[in-house]
């Protein structure tokens, strides 16, 4: 839990039906900004994750343990939902209905509730009842095909784009949009959050580029997929890596100056036929110094160059440390709440607590 419920969402009451992946991450984001999130989960789970150890994604909640096959405990959970503003669930379509906790039952009791449903494939469609994971959802959008090196197979971008970019972020966006609409109409509504939908929408720029004829379906030959030598990663003298993103002409010019390269001796930046030659020159230059030596050279530069840090290194980078972006929370380092608010800042998160509240307890009265 946070030390106190502060932030722009203080006073918002959320019931979360605990699960894995983007739904609990979305609940964490709401809790980070001050929402009072009560997590309903099966007995014995506590705050543990897949490894059995506490998981930071459960920070900021009170936990209610309930056997959702027990009618008395279902009744107690419904009584809690009656006083909530938001419900978050991440089960397959139909599961909540079979439990007697579907939107129809809940909204009859609490017409103002915002009922947010997180799935991979959506509430309808041929795949609605199928299992899936992040890269499966991403696979249908065209985006996974675009991620990878030329001539090589597509590379899963961790589970960031589908689960969290297309999932939890869109759930939070949907909840806030529905709460705004409720302030006008006085009515709640159901939000169908599908990771396949959100991930597809994240790719709007690539669809634009493709429509303009400046994006190829071939991997690794485009400006933003590692095809351009001025937007790629490079190995340095010590085997560590640097990110180079000098797209704009003025930034590219500064990159060459910092590297000690003469523009007149090189192909033009956008001469795609000679990109291999330009890449070789940049690569040779960057291999002459270590990553950290280049990081110092480019520290105050607009050449759009930054060191590629490991998880272990990231908290100590001067910029990350100055903003306090990553801090120790319980047993592990964790990202701090974002975004940041001037009048209603979020409290600093603390480690998730295993305190369990009985489902019949008096909450929000």
Protein backbone atom coordinates (compact mmCIF):
# COMPACT_ATOMS: atom_id res chain seq x y z
CA UNK A 1 0.00 0.00 0.00
CA UNK A 2 1.01 3.62 -0.31
CA UNK A 3 1.63 5.49 2.91
CA UNK A 4 -1.50 7.57 2.27
CA UNK A 5 -4.04 7.66 -0.49
CA UNK A 6 -2.93 10.75 -2.32
CA UNK A 7 -2.84 11.67 -5.95
CA UNK A 8 -5.34 12.85 -8.59
CA UNK A 9 -7.47 9.70 -8.20
CA UNK A 10 -7.79 9.89 -4.40
CA UNK A 11 -11.35 8.96 -3.46
CA UNK A 12 -11.89 6.68 -6.47
CA UNK A 13 -13.03 3.21 -5.35
CA UNK A 14 -11.93 0.25 -7.50
CA UNK A 15 -12.66 -3.46 -7.19
CA UNK A 16 -10.12 -5.60 -9.03
CA UNK A 17 -10.57 -9.29 -9.69
CA UNK A 18 -6.99 -10.43 -9.42
CA UNK A 19 -5.28 -12.12 -12.34
CA UNK A 20 -2.05 -11.99 -14.31
CA UNK A 21 -0.58 -9.51 -16.76
CA UNK A 22 -2.17 -6.25 -17.87
CA UNK A 23 -5.29 -6.14 -15.64
CA UNK A 24 -3.31 -6.06 -12.36
CA UNK A 25 -0.83 -3.68 -13.96
CA UNK A 26 -3.69 -1.33 -14.80
CA UNK A 27 -4.99 -1.62 -11.22
CA UNK A 28 -1.48 -0.77 -10.00
CA UNK A 29 -1.44 2.38 -12.16
CA UNK A 30 -4.79 3.46 -10.73
CA UNK A 31 -3.59 2.76 -7.19
CA UNK A 32 -0.34 4.64 -7.83
CA UNK A 33 -2.37 7.78 -8.54
CA UNK A 34 -4.41 7.49 -5.36
CA UNK A 35 -7.32 5.19 -6.17
CA UNK A 36 -8.43 2.91 -3.34
CA UNK A 37 -8.10 -0.49 -5.01
CA UNK A 38 -9.47 -3.60 -3.33
CA UNK A 39 -8.19 -6.78 -4.97
CA UNK A 40 -10.50 -9.80 -4.81
CA UNK A 41 -8.57 -13.04 -5.14
CA UNK A 42 -8.80 -16.70 -4.25
CA UNK A 43 -7.66 -17.70 -0.77
CA UNK A 44 -3.97 -18.30 -0.14
CA UNK A 45 -2.48 -16.23 -2.97
CA UNK A 46 -1.51 -13.17 -0.93
CA UNK A 47 0.89 -10.83 -2.74
CA UNK A 48 2.96 -13.54 -4.38
CA UNK A 49 3.65 -13.72 -8.09
CA UNK A 50 4.65 -16.53 -10.44
CA UNK A 51 7.78 -17.31 -8.38
CA UNK A 52 5.97 -17.40 -5.07
CA UNK A 53 7.73 -14.21 -3.94
CA UNK A 54 6.01 -10.82 -3.49
CA UNK A 55 5.34 -9.05 -6.78
CA UNK A 56 5.51 -5.28 -7.03
CA UNK A 57 2.60 -5.14 -9.46
CA UNK A 58 0.34 -5.80 -6.45
CA UNK A 59 1.45 -2.68 -4.64
CA UNK A 60 -1.12 -0.18 -3.41
CA UNK A 61 -4.02 -2.60 -2.76
CA UNK A 62 -6.05 -4.05 0.03
CA UNK A 63 -6.69 -7.74 -0.52
CA UNK A 64 -10.01 -9.50 -0.09
CA UNK A 65 -9.85 -13.28 -0.23
CA UNK A 66 -13.05 -14.86 -1.49
CA UNK A 67 -14.16 -18.23 -2.77
CA UNK A 68 -16.17 -17.18 -5.80
CA UNK A 69 -17.92 -20.57 -5.85
CA UNK A 70 -19.46 -19.83 -2.43
CA UNK A 71 -22.82 -17.98 -2.77
CA UNK A 72 -22.37 -16.24 0.59
CA UNK A 73 -18.97 -14.89 -0.40
CA UNK A 74 -20.28 -13.86 -3.83
CA UNK A 75 -22.98 -11.90 -1.99
CA UNK A 76 -20.34 -10.19 0.16
CA UNK A 77 -18.30 -9.28 -2.93
CA UNK A 78 -21.42 -7.88 -4.62
CA UNK A 79 -22.05 -5.76 -1.55
CA UNK A 80 -18.53 -4.35 -1.95
CA UNK A 81 -19.09 -3.73 -5.68
CA UNK A 82 -22.26 -1.79 -4.83
CA UNK A 83 -20.08 0.94 -3.34
CA UNK A 84 -17.38 0.95 -6.04
CA UNK A 85 -16.80 3.36 -8.91
CA UNK A 86 -14.85 0.93 -11.09
CA UNK A 87 -14.62 -2.84 -11.55
CA UNK A 88 -11.61 -4.38 -13.31
CA UNK A 89 -11.58 -8.01 -14.48
CA UNK A 90 -9.32 -9.97 -16.78
CA UNK A 91 -11.05 -13.33 -17.28
CA UNK A 92 -12.14 -14.94 -20.54
CA UNK A 93 -15.52 -13.79 -21.86
CA UNK A 94 -18.40 -15.35 -19.92
CA UNK A 95 -16.52 -16.22 -16.73
CA UNK A 96 -17.87 -13.30 -14.70
CA UNK A 97 -21.38 -13.99 -15.97
CA UNK A 98 -21.17 -17.61 -14.82
CA UNK A 99 -20.10 -16.39 -11.38
CA UNK A 100 -23.11 -14.09 -11.17
CA UNK A 101 -20.81 -11.05 -11.37
CA UNK A 102 -21.37 -10.05 -14.99
CA UNK A 103 -22.14 -6.51 -16.14
CA UNK A 104 -25.90 -7.02 -16.21
CA UNK A 105 -26.08 -8.20 -12.61
CA UNK A 106 -23.62 -5.59 -11.37
CA UNK A 107 -25.12 -2.61 -13.20
CA UNK A 108 -28.63 -3.44 -12.00
CA UNK A 109 -27.29 -2.95 -8.48
CA UNK A 110 -24.86 -0.11 -9.23
CA UNK A 111 -25.87 1.77 -12.43
CA UNK A 112 -22.95 4.18 -12.14
CA UNK A 113 -20.18 1.61 -12.11
CA UNK A 114 -17.53 1.56 -14.84
CA UNK A 115 -17.03 -2.11 -15.68
CA UNK A 116 -13.64 -2.62 -17.38
CA UNK A 117 -13.04 -5.99 -19.07
CA UNK A 118 -9.51 -6.95 -20.13
CA UNK A 119 -8.96 -9.75 -22.63
CA UNK A 120 -6.48 -10.54 -25.36
CA UNK A 121 -8.89 -11.02 -28.24
CA UNK A 122 -11.94 -9.03 -27.08
CA UNK A 123 -15.41 -9.99 -25.92
CA UNK A 124 -16.46 -11.24 -29.36
CA UNK A 125 -14.99 -12.54 -32.62
CA UNK A 126 -13.72 -15.98 -33.70
CA UNK A 127 -10.77 -15.93 -31.28
CA UNK A 128 -12.65 -14.55 -28.26
CA UNK A 129 -12.50 -17.81 -26.29
CA UNK A 130 -8.95 -18.73 -27.31
CA UNK A 131 -5.96 -18.53 -25.00
CA UNK A 132 -3.15 -16.26 -26.09
CA UNK A 133 -0.15 -14.23 -25.05
CA UNK A 134 1.29 -10.84 -25.92
CA UNK A 135 3.02 -11.83 -29.14
CA UNK A 136 -0.04 -13.76 -30.37
CA UNK A 137 -2.15 -10.61 -30.17
CA UNK A 138 0.63 -8.59 -31.75
CA UNK A 139 0.97 -11.16 -34.52
CA UNK A 140 -2.46 -10.34 -35.98
CA UNK A 141 -1.83 -6.58 -36.11
CA UNK A 142 1.04 -6.65 -38.61
CA UNK A 143 3.38 -5.13 -36.05
CA UNK A 144 5.17 -8.30 -34.94
CA UNK A 145 6.05 -9.03 -38.58
CA UNK A 146 7.78 -5.64 -38.71
CA UNK A 147 10.03 -6.17 -35.67
CA UNK A 148 13.36 -7.82 -36.39
CA UNK A 149 16.49 -7.71 -38.52
CA UNK A 150 16.51 -7.97 -42.28
CA UNK A 151 16.42 -11.58 -43.41
CA UNK A 152 15.77 -12.86 -39.90
CA UNK A 153 12.63 -13.98 -38.10
CA UNK A 154 10.39 -11.56 -36.17
CA UNK A 155 11.48 -10.80 -32.59
CA UNK A 156 8.98 -10.62 -29.69
CA UNK A 157 9.38 -7.15 -28.07
CA UNK A 158 9.29 -8.68 -24.56
CA UNK A 159 5.61 -8.55 -23.54
CA UNK A 160 5.47 -4.77 -23.59
CA UNK A 161 3.46 -3.91 -26.68
CA UNK A 162 0.47 -6.24 -26.33
CA UNK A 163 0.10 -6.74 -22.59
CA UNK A 164 0.97 -3.31 -21.31
CA UNK A 165 0.97 -0.89 -24.24
CA UNK A 166 -2.13 -2.35 -25.86
CA UNK A 167 -3.66 -3.70 -22.65
CA UNK A 168 -3.19 -1.96 -19.32
CA UNK A 169 -2.64 1.51 -20.77
CA UNK A 170 -5.84 1.29 -22.80
CA UNK A 171 -7.76 -0.03 -19.80
CA UNK A 172 -6.69 2.96 -17.74
CA UNK A 173 -7.50 5.29 -20.65
CA UNK A 174 -10.91 3.66 -21.03
CA UNK A 175 -11.68 3.92 -17.31
CA UNK A 176 -10.79 7.61 -17.18
CA UNK A 177 -12.80 8.33 -20.35
CA UNK A 178 -15.84 6.49 -18.94
CA UNK A 179 -15.54 8.31 -15.62
CA UNK A 180 -15.51 11.64 -17.45
CA UNK A 181 -18.62 10.64 -19.43
CA UNK A 182 -20.27 9.53 -16.19
CA UNK A 183 -19.73 13.01 -14.79
CA UNK A 184 -22.03 14.22 -17.59
CA UNK A 185 -24.58 11.39 -17.87
CA UNK A 186 -24.48 9.96 -14.37
CA UNK A 187 -24.32 6.48 -15.88
CA UNK A 188 -21.62 3.82 -15.94
CA UNK A 189 -20.80 1.58 -18.86
CA UNK A 190 -18.90 -1.53 -19.90
CA UNK A 191 -15.45 -1.20 -21.47
CA UNK A 192 -14.24 -3.95 -23.81
CA UNK A 193 -10.44 -3.68 -23.61
CA UNK A 194 -8.76 -6.05 -26.07
CA UNK A 195 -4.99 -6.19 -26.32
CA UNK A 196 -5.24 -6.91 -30.04
CA UNK A 197 -7.18 -3.64 -30.47
CA UNK A 198 -4.86 -1.51 -28.37
CA UNK A 199 -1.68 -2.92 -29.88
CA UNK A 200 -3.05 -2.27 -33.36
CA UNK A 201 -3.80 1.35 -32.48
CA UNK A 202 -0.26 1.84 -31.18
CA UNK A 203 0.88 1.14 -34.74
CA UNK A 204 -0.93 4.14 -36.27
CA UNK A 205 2.33 5.77 -37.39
CA UNK A 206 3.48 2.65 -39.22
CA UNK A 207 0.11 2.41 -40.99
CA UNK A 208 0.48 6.07 -41.98
CA UNK A 209 3.99 5.48 -43.33
CA UNK A 210 2.80 2.44 -45.24
CA UNK A 211 -0.08 4.42 -46.74
CA UNK A 212 2.37 7.09 -47.84
CA UNK A 213 4.56 4.50 -49.53
CA UNK A 214 7.51 5.03 -47.18
CA UNK A 215 7.28 1.77 -45.20
CA UNK A 216 8.07 -1.63 -46.63
CA UNK A 217 6.64 -4.94 -45.39
CA UNK A 218 10.20 -6.25 -45.49
CA UNK A 219 11.74 -6.27 -42.02
CA UNK A 220 14.86 -4.31 -41.19
CA UNK A 221 14.96 -1.98 -44.19
CA UNK A 222 12.90 0.94 -42.87
CA UNK A 223 13.87 4.07 -40.99
CA UNK A 224 12.62 3.01 -37.55
CA UNK A 225 13.25 -0.76 -37.60
CA UNK A 226 17.04 -0.75 -37.65
CA UNK A 227 17.28 -0.45 -41.42
CA UNK A 228 18.64 3.10 -41.32
CA UNK A 229 22.24 3.45 -40.10
CA UNK A 230 21.33 6.64 -38.24
CA UNK A 231 18.62 4.85 -36.22
CA UNK A 232 20.10 1.68 -34.81
CA UNK A 233 22.21 0.16 -32.04
CA UNK A 234 25.98 -0.20 -32.22
CA UNK A 235 28.65 -2.13 -30.37
CA UNK A 236 31.44 -0.18 -28.71
CA UNK A 237 35.05 -1.10 -27.92
CA UNK A 238 34.11 -2.84 -24.66
CA UNK A 239 31.33 -4.97 -26.15
CA UNK A 240 28.60 -2.77 -24.68
CA UNK A 241 26.07 -0.95 -26.80
CA UNK A 242 24.93 2.54 -27.77
CA UNK A 243 21.61 3.69 -29.21
CA UNK A 244 21.84 6.11 -32.13
CA UNK A 245 18.67 7.92 -33.21
CA UNK A 246 19.91 10.88 -35.26
CA UNK A 247 17.00 11.16 -37.69
CA UNK A 248 16.73 14.92 -38.23
CA UNK A 249 19.43 16.43 -40.48
CA UNK A 250 20.78 18.74 -37.78
CA UNK A 251 21.05 15.89 -35.31
CA UNK A 252 22.72 13.67 -37.90
CA UNK A 253 25.22 16.43 -38.65
CA UNK A 254 26.08 16.68 -34.95
CA UNK A 255 26.45 12.90 -34.75
CA UNK A 256 29.11 12.98 -37.47
CA UNK A 257 30.97 15.83 -35.77
CA UNK A 258 31.05 14.00 -32.43
CA UNK A 259 32.24 10.84 -34.17
CA UNK A 260 35.02 12.75 -35.94
CA UNK A 261 33.57 11.93 -39.37
CA UNK A 262 33.55 14.31 -42.33
CA UNK A 263 30.15 14.53 -44.02
CA UNK A 264 31.80 15.24 -47.35
CA UNK A 265 33.52 11.85 -47.25
CA UNK A 266 30.27 9.96 -46.63
CA UNK A 267 27.09 9.15 -48.54
CA UNK A 268 24.13 11.49 -48.05
CA UNK A 269 22.04 10.60 -45.03
CA UNK A 270 18.98 9.52 -47.03
CA UNK A 271 20.81 7.76 -49.87
CA UNK A 272 19.34 4.37 -49.07
CA UNK A 273 21.37 2.57 -51.73
CA UNK A 274 24.54 3.55 -49.86
CA UNK A 275 23.30 2.92 -46.33
CA UNK A 276 25.66 -0.07 -45.91
CA UNK A 277 28.61 2.23 -46.56
CA UNK A 278 27.33 4.83 -44.09
CA UNK A 279 26.66 2.14 -41.48
CA UNK A 280 30.18 0.78 -41.81
CA UNK A 281 31.66 4.23 -41.17
CA UNK A 282 29.53 4.84 -38.07
CA UNK A 283 30.22 1.32 -36.81
CA UNK A 284 34.00 1.68 -37.22
CA UNK A 285 34.00 5.02 -35.40
CA UNK A 286 31.95 3.75 -32.46
CA UNK A 287 34.23 0.74 -31.98
CA UNK A 288 37.14 3.04 -31.13
CA UNK A 289 35.85 3.92 -27.63
CA UNK A 290 33.92 2.26 -24.82
CA UNK A 291 30.22 2.77 -24.33
CA UNK A 292 30.71 4.97 -21.29
CA UNK A 293 33.35 7.09 -23.05
CA UNK A 294 30.85 7.75 -25.85
CA UNK A 295 28.11 8.40 -23.31
CA UNK A 296 30.26 11.15 -21.79
CA UNK A 297 31.01 12.64 -25.21
CA UNK A 298 27.32 12.73 -26.12
CA UNK A 299 26.04 13.65 -22.65
CA UNK A 300 25.13 17.26 -23.54
CA UNK A 301 24.56 16.62 -27.22
CA UNK A 302 21.45 16.75 -29.43
CA UNK A 303 22.76 13.90 -31.58
CA UNK A 304 20.14 11.59 -29.99
CA UNK A 305 22.68 9.11 -28.65
CA UNK A 306 22.29 7.28 -25.34
CA UNK A 307 23.99 4.31 -23.68
CA UNK A 308 22.05 1.05 -23.63
CA UNK A 309 21.93 0.16 -19.95
CA UNK A 310 21.17 -3.10 -18.21
CA UNK A 311 18.46 -3.29 -15.55
CA UNK A 312 21.24 -3.24 -12.96
CA UNK A 313 22.77 -0.07 -14.41
CA UNK A 314 19.62 1.94 -15.16
CA UNK A 315 18.83 3.29 -11.64
CA UNK A 316 22.29 4.88 -11.31
CA UNK A 317 22.34 6.81 -14.59
CA UNK A 318 22.58 10.54 -13.73
CA UNK A 319 19.28 11.42 -15.41
CA UNK A 320 17.35 8.45 -14.03
CA UNK A 321 18.77 9.08 -10.56
CA UNK A 322 18.00 12.82 -10.68
CA UNK A 323 14.34 12.10 -11.44
CA UNK A 324 14.18 9.21 -8.99
CA UNK A 325 12.69 7.11 -11.74
CA UNK A 326 13.72 3.74 -10.26
CA UNK A 327 13.85 3.17 -6.52
CA UNK A 328 13.99 0.32 -4.07
CA UNK A 329 10.52 -0.86 -3.05
CA UNK A 330 10.61 -3.80 -0.68
CA UNK A 331 12.93 -6.47 -2.06
CA UNK A 332 13.27 -5.07 -5.58
CA UNK A 333 13.86 -1.97 -7.64
CA UNK A 334 10.65 -0.57 -9.12
CA UNK A 335 9.54 2.25 -11.41
CA UNK A 336 7.92 5.18 -9.64
CA UNK A 337 4.39 6.42 -10.48
CA UNK A 338 3.95 8.26 -13.76
CA UNK A 339 2.96 10.75 -14.98
CA UNK A 340 3.75 13.40 -12.37
CA UNK A 341 1.22 15.96 -11.17
CA UNK A 342 1.92 19.44 -9.82
CA UNK A 343 -0.92 19.84 -7.29
CA UNK A 344 -1.82 16.25 -6.48
CA UNK A 345 1.38 14.21 -6.59
CA UNK A 346 1.21 10.49 -6.05
CA UNK A 347 2.62 9.03 -2.86
CA UNK A 348 5.80 7.01 -3.05
CA UNK A 349 4.81 3.34 -3.36
CA UNK A 350 5.72 0.88 -0.66
CA UNK A 351 6.05 -2.88 -0.89
CA UNK A 352 2.82 -4.84 -1.36
CA UNK A 353 1.39 -6.01 1.95
CA UNK A 354 -0.16 -9.39 2.61
CA UNK A 355 -2.89 -8.07 4.92
CA UNK A 356 -6.17 -9.73 3.99
CA UNK A 357 -9.59 -8.19 4.55
CA UNK A 358 -12.61 -10.42 4.96
CA UNK A 359 -15.06 -10.02 2.05
CA UNK A 360 -17.82 -9.21 4.54
CA UNK A 361 -15.76 -6.45 6.17
CA UNK A 362 -17.14 -2.95 6.28
CA UNK A 363 -15.36 -1.08 3.49
CA UNK A 364 -16.17 2.30 1.95
CA UNK A 365 -19.07 3.02 4.29
